[in-house]
C-alpha atoms as a PDB file:
ATOM      1  CA  MET A   1     209.157 142.879 168.073  1.00  0.00           C
ATOM      2  CA  PHE A   2     206.285 141.676 166.233  1.00  0.00           C
ATOM      3  CA  THR A   3     204.378 144.099 164.106  1.00  0.00           C
ATOM      4  CA  SER A   4     200.198 143.257 163.688  1.00  0.00           C
ATOM      5  CA  VAL A   5     197.941 145.093 161.735  1.00  0.00           C
ATOM      6  CA  LEU A   6     194.077 144.989 163.455  1.00  0.00           C
ATOM      7  CA  MET A   7     191.234 145.509 161.404  1.00  0.00           C
ATOM      8  CA  ILE A   8     188.460 145.840 163.474  1.00  0.00           C
ATOM      9  CA  GLU A   9     184.639 147.432 163.772  1.00  0.00           C
ATOM     10  CA  LYS A  10     183.856 148.305 167.220  1.00  0.00           C
ATOM     11  CA  ALA A  11     185.690 148.933 170.174  1.00  0.00           C
ATOM     12  CA  LEU A  12     188.059 146.065 171.502  1.00  0.00           C
ATOM     13  CA  THR A  13     186.719 144.206 174.844  1.00  0.00           C
ATOM     14  CA  SER A  14     188.796 143.806 177.724  1.00  0.00           C
ATOM     15  CA  ALA A  15     188.598 139.701 176.139  1.00  0.00           C
ATOM     16  CA  ASP A  16     189.437 141.005 172.837  1.00  0.00           C
ATOM     17  CA  VAL A  17     192.415 142.583 174.336  1.00  0.00           C
ATOM     18  CA  GLU A  18     193.561 139.736 176.307  1.00  0.00           C
ATOM     19  CA  PHE A  19     192.967 137.266 173.024  1.00  0.00           C
ATOM     20  CA  VAL A  20     194.999 139.498 170.417  1.00  0.00           C
ATOM     21  CA  THR A  21     197.887 140.753 173.105  1.00  0.00           C
ATOM     22  CA  THR A  22     198.564 137.182 174.181  1.00  0.00           C
ATOM     23  CA  LEU A  23     198.990 135.691 170.740  1.00  0.00           C
ATOM     24  CA  HIS A  24     202.505 135.347 170.542  1.00  0.00           C
ATOM     25  CA  GLY A  25     203.407 134.368 174.111  1.00  0.00           C
ATOM     26  CA  ASP A  26     206.035 136.978 175.634  1.00  0.00           C
ATOM     27  CA  GLU A  27     207.087 138.258 172.704  1.00  0.00           C
ATOM     28  CA  SER A  28     206.174 142.301 172.478  1.00  0.00           C
ATOM     29  CA  VAL A  29     203.910 143.054 170.084  1.00  0.00           C
ATOM     30  CA  SER A  30     203.181 146.592 168.234  1.00  0.00           C
ATOM     31  CA  PHE A  31     199.212 146.926 166.982  1.00  0.00           C
ATOM     32  CA  HIS A  32     198.574 149.064 163.902  1.00  0.00           C
ATOM     33  CA  VAL A  33     194.731 149.176 164.000  1.00  0.00           C
ATOM     34  CA  LEU A  34     192.124 150.276 161.442  1.00  0.00           C
ATOM     35  CA  LEU A  35     188.492 150.660 162.221  1.00  0.00           C
ATOM     36  CA  GLN A  36     185.684 150.664 159.797  1.00  0.00           C
ATOM     37  CA  PRO A  37     182.946 152.479 161.020  1.00  0.00           C
ATOM     38  CA  ARG A  38     179.633 151.282 160.193  1.00  0.00           C
ATOM     39  CA  GLY A  39     179.141 151.935 156.609  1.00  0.00           C
ATOM     40  CA  ASP A  40     175.482 152.449 154.411  1.00  0.00           C
ATOM     41  CA  GLN A  41     172.219 150.887 153.733  1.00  0.00           C
ATOM     42  CA  ALA A  42     173.971 147.880 152.130  1.00  0.00           C
ATOM     43  CA  ASP A  43     175.702 147.179 155.289  1.00  0.00           C
ATOM     44  CA  ARG A  44     172.603 147.180 157.758  1.00  0.00           C
ATOM     45  CA  LEU A  45     170.713 145.197 155.478  1.00  0.00           C
ATOM     46  CA  LEU A  46     173.675 142.608 155.728  1.00  0.00           C
ATOM     47  CA  ARG A  47     173.939 142.815 159.281  1.00  0.00           C
ATOM     48  CA  ALA A  48     170.312 142.298 159.765  1.00  0.00           C
ATOM     49  CA  ILE A  49     170.750 138.625 158.003  1.00  0.00           C
ATOM     50  CA  ASP A  50     174.075 138.216 160.135  1.00  0.00           C
ATOM     51  CA  ASP A  51     171.608 138.843 163.584  1.00  0.00           C
ATOM     52  CA  VAL A  52     168.781 136.702 162.020  1.00  0.00           C
ATOM     53  CA  ALA A  53     171.331 133.896 161.298  1.00  0.00           C
ATOM     54  CA  LEU A  54     172.330 134.027 164.787  1.00  0.00           C
ATOM     55  CA  GLY A  55     169.162 133.829 166.459  1.00  0.00           C
ATOM     56  CA  GLU A  56     169.383 137.741 167.379  1.00  0.00           C
ATOM     57  CA  LEU A  57     166.075 138.738 166.146  1.00  0.00           C
ATOM     58  CA  ASP A  58     166.222 141.868 168.743  1.00  0.00           C
ATOM     59  CA  GLU A  59     169.484 142.802 166.948  1.00  0.00           C
ATOM     60  CA  ALA A  60     167.897 142.494 163.702  1.00  0.00           C
ATOM     61  CA  ALA A  61     165.185 144.578 164.609  1.00  0.00           C
ATOM     62  CA  ARG A  62     167.343 147.304 166.306  1.00  0.00           C
ATOM     63  CA  GLU A  63     169.656 147.548 162.888  1.00  0.00           C
ATOM     64  CA  GLY A  64     168.018 150.751 161.915  1.00  0.00           C
ATOM     65  CA  GLU A  65     168.697 152.323 165.309  1.00  0.00           C
ATOM     66  CA  THR A  66     172.547 151.873 164.363  1.00  0.00           C
ATOM     67  CA  PRO A  67     174.389 155.355 163.788  1.00  0.00           C
ATOM     68  CA  GLU A  68     175.265 155.916 159.870  1.00  0.00           C
ATOM     69  CA  GLY A  69     177.163 158.493 158.164  1.00  0.00           C
ATOM     70  CA  GLU A  70     178.702 161.337 160.558  1.00  0.00           C
ATOM     71  CA  GLU A  71     177.326 160.088 163.494  1.00  0.00           C
ATOM     72  CA  ALA A  72     178.747 156.636 162.666  1.00  0.00           C
ATOM     73  CA  LEU A  73     182.235 158.333 162.472  1.00  0.00           C
ATOM     74  CA  SER A  74     182.039 160.143 165.571  1.00  0.00           C
ATOM     75  CA  THR A  75     181.290 156.453 167.444  1.00  0.00           C
ATOM     76  CA  GLY A  76     184.299 155.073 165.130  1.00  0.00           C
ATOM     77  CA  ARG A  77     186.601 157.707 166.483  1.00  0.00           C
ATOM     78  CA  ARG A  78     185.884 157.015 170.292  1.00  0.00           C
ATOM     79  CA  ALA A  79     185.796 153.128 169.673  1.00  0.00           C
ATOM     80  CA  LEU A  80     189.238 153.201 168.257  1.00  0.00           C
ATOM     81  CA  GLU A  81     190.704 155.327 171.237  1.00  0.00           C
ATOM     82  CA  VAL A  82     188.891 153.359 173.513  1.00  0.00           C
ATOM     83  CA  SER A  83     190.696 150.195 171.624  1.00  0.00           C
ATOM     84  CA  LEU A  84     194.067 152.111 171.199  1.00  0.00           C
ATOM     85  CA  THR A  85     193.973 152.602 175.439  1.00  0.00           C
ATOM     86  CA  ALA A  86     193.039 149.102 175.901  1.00  0.00           C
ATOM     87  CA  LEU A  87     195.935 147.822 173.956  1.00  0.00           C
ATOM     88  CA  ARG A  88     198.600 150.697 175.505  1.00  0.00           C
ATOM     89  CA  ALA A  89     197.375 149.193 179.030  1.00  0.00           C
ATOM     90  CA  SER A  90     198.453 145.986 178.458  1.00  0.00           C
ATOM     91  CA  GLY A  91     201.923 146.551 177.590  1.00  0.00           C
ATOM     92  CA  SER A  92     202.042 147.162 173.921  1.00  0.00           C
ATOM     93  CA  ALA A  93     202.445 149.765 171.358  1.00  0.00           C
ATOM     94  CA  ALA A  94     199.071 150.760 169.811  1.00  0.00           C
ATOM     95  CA  ALA A  95     198.916 153.301 166.860  1.00  0.00           C
ATOM     96  CA  GLY A  96     195.307 153.581 164.539  1.00  0.00           C
ATOM     97  CA  ARG A  97     193.047 155.224 162.170  1.00  0.00           C
ATOM     98  CA  LEU A  98     189.717 154.860 161.058  1.00  0.00           C
ATOM     99  CA  ILE A  99     189.273 153.789 157.330  1.00  0.00           C
ATOM    100  CA  ASP A 100     188.222 156.223 155.152  1.00  0.00           C
ATOM    101  CA  ALA A 101     187.052 154.573 151.838  1.00  0.00           C
ATOM    102  CA  HIS A 102     188.372 151.170 150.713  1.00  0.00           C
ATOM    103  CA  PRO A 103     189.301 149.064 153.892  1.00  0.00           C
ATOM    104  CA  LEU A 104     191.506 146.363 151.746  1.00  0.00           C
ATOM    105  CA  ASP A 105     193.518 148.697 149.789  1.00  0.00           C
ATOM    106  CA  GLU A 106     194.210 150.720 153.365  1.00  0.00           C
ATOM    107  CA  LEU A 107     195.053 147.758 154.682  1.00  0.00           C
ATOM    108  CA  GLN A 108     197.664 146.768 151.894  1.00  0.00           C
ATOM    109  CA  SER A 109     199.287 149.933 152.290  1.00  0.00           C
ATOM    110  CA  LEU A 110     199.555 149.891 155.756  1.00  0.00           C
ATOM    111  CA  VAL A 111     201.322 146.453 155.710  1.00  0.00           C
ATOM    112  CA  GLN A 112     203.513 147.561 153.833  1.00  0.00           C
ATOM    113  CA  GLU A 113     203.909 151.447 155.436  1.00  0.00           C
ATOM    114  CA  VAL A 114     205.039 149.571 159.094  1.00  0.00           C
ATOM    115  CA  GLY A 115     206.208 146.012 157.572  1.00  0.00           C
ATOM    116  CA  ALA A 116     203.548 144.150 159.189  1.00  0.00           C
ATOM    117  CA  ASP A 117     204.384 140.316 160.168  1.00  0.00           C
ATOM    118  CA  GLU A 118     200.936 139.477 160.528  1.00  0.00           C
ATOM    119  CA  VAL A 119     197.116 141.155 159.859  1.00  0.00           C
ATOM    120  CA  ILE A 120     194.387 140.126 162.141  1.00  0.00           C
ATOM    121  CA  VAL A 121     190.629 140.714 161.274  1.00  0.00           C
ATOM    122  CA  LEU A 122     188.796 140.654 164.291  1.00  0.00           C
ATOM    123  CA  THR A 123     185.121 141.315 163.773  1.00  0.00           C
ATOM    124  CA  ASP A 124     181.297 139.365 164.656  1.00  0.00           C
ATOM    125  CA  PRO A 125     180.662 136.968 162.353  1.00  0.00           C
ATOM    126  CA  HIS A 126     179.265 137.965 159.080  1.00  0.00           C
ATOM    127  CA  TYR A 127     177.694 135.009 157.540  1.00  0.00           C
ATOM    128  CA  VAL A 128     176.904 135.849 154.086  1.00  0.00           C
ATOM    129  CA  GLU A 129     180.211 137.632 153.580  1.00  0.00           C
ATOM    130  CA  GLU A 130     182.089 134.706 154.726  1.00  0.00           C
ATOM    131  CA  PHE A 131     180.065 132.191 152.640  1.00  0.00           C
ATOM    132  CA  PHE A 132     180.628 134.206 149.593  1.00  0.00           C
ATOM    133  CA  HIS A 133     184.411 134.545 150.813  1.00  0.00           C
ATOM    134  CA  ARG A 134     184.022 138.271 150.401  1.00  0.00           C
ATOM    135  CA  ASP A 135     184.517 139.477 154.201  1.00  0.00           C
ATOM    136  CA  TRP A 136     187.804 141.178 155.007  1.00  0.00           C
ATOM    137  CA  ALA A 137     189.803 138.183 155.771  1.00  0.00           C
ATOM    138  CA  SER A 138     189.348 136.012 152.706  1.00  0.00           C
ATOM    139  CA  ARG A 139     189.510 139.062 150.657  1.00  0.00           C
ATOM    140  CA  ALA A 140     192.781 140.085 152.379  1.00  0.00           C
ATOM    141  CA  ARG A 141     194.757 136.915 152.250  1.00  0.00           C
ATOM    142  CA  HIS A 142     194.852 137.304 148.531  1.00  0.00           C
ATOM    143  CA  LYS A 143     195.682 140.959 148.433  1.00  0.00           C
ATOM    144  CA  VAL A 144     198.464 142.145 151.444  1.00  0.00           C
ATOM    145  CA  GLY A 145     201.474 139.398 151.244  1.00  0.00           C
ATOM    146  CA  VAL A 146     201.515 138.438 155.076  1.00  0.00           C
ATOM    147  CA  PRO A 147     199.849 135.834 156.847  1.00  0.00           C
ATOM    148  CA  VAL A 148     195.887 136.672 157.920  1.00  0.00           C
ATOM    149  CA  LEU A 149     194.684 135.387 161.003  1.00  0.00           C
ATOM    150  CA  LYS A 150     190.663 135.729 161.244  1.00  0.00           C
ATOM    151  CA  LEU A 151     189.234 135.777 164.781  1.00  0.00           C
ATOM    152  CA  PHE A 152     185.623 136.486 166.186  1.00  0.00           C
ATOM    153  CA  SER A 153     185.312 139.407 168.353  1.00  0.00           C
ATOM    154  CA  HIS A 154     183.629 138.746 171.749  1.00  0.00           C
ATOM    155  CA  SER A 155     180.534 141.023 172.224  1.00  0.00           C
ATOM    156  CA  GLU A 156     180.690 141.685 175.926  1.00  0.00           C
ATOM    157  CA  ALA A 157     183.212 143.905 177.757  1.00  0.00           C
END
C-alpha cells in the first residue's frame, strides 16, 4: 500500500478526491490528511492579493467575511471530516487532523510517523507565496525527505 500525506486548506471536492485517488493507478493508497484552518490578518491579505491576481475581485472584497480564529477551527473540523469521508467512500484508507501551529513541523513529524512515500500539497494558487518559494510545497521539499507533489484544488464540488 502506498502512503500519502495530503496537505489541504479546505474541504476536498469530488474532483479533488478523484484526482488524488487515481494518481497511482490501481495501487491502493492510504491518506493521512493535514488541514490548515484559516489563519490571521496577514493570511487574509495574502488571500486577497491572490484573488486580485486571479481576477476574482468579488472574492477579494469578501475576504473580510472569511471565518478566522475559533470559527475557522469549527469550519476546519467540518472540512476535514467531509474530506475524510469522501476519501473513504472512494475506497481509500484515510485519517487526518487539523494543523495546530507549525504546518511544516507537523508535516515532517507525520511523514516520519506514518512512513509516508510522498506528500501531496493540494491548495488554491497562492501567487505571492509561490513567487518567493514560501508556499508549503516549496518549503516542504527541503524538509520532509520524500517527494512532494503540488496540485491545485478544484473550486467547484
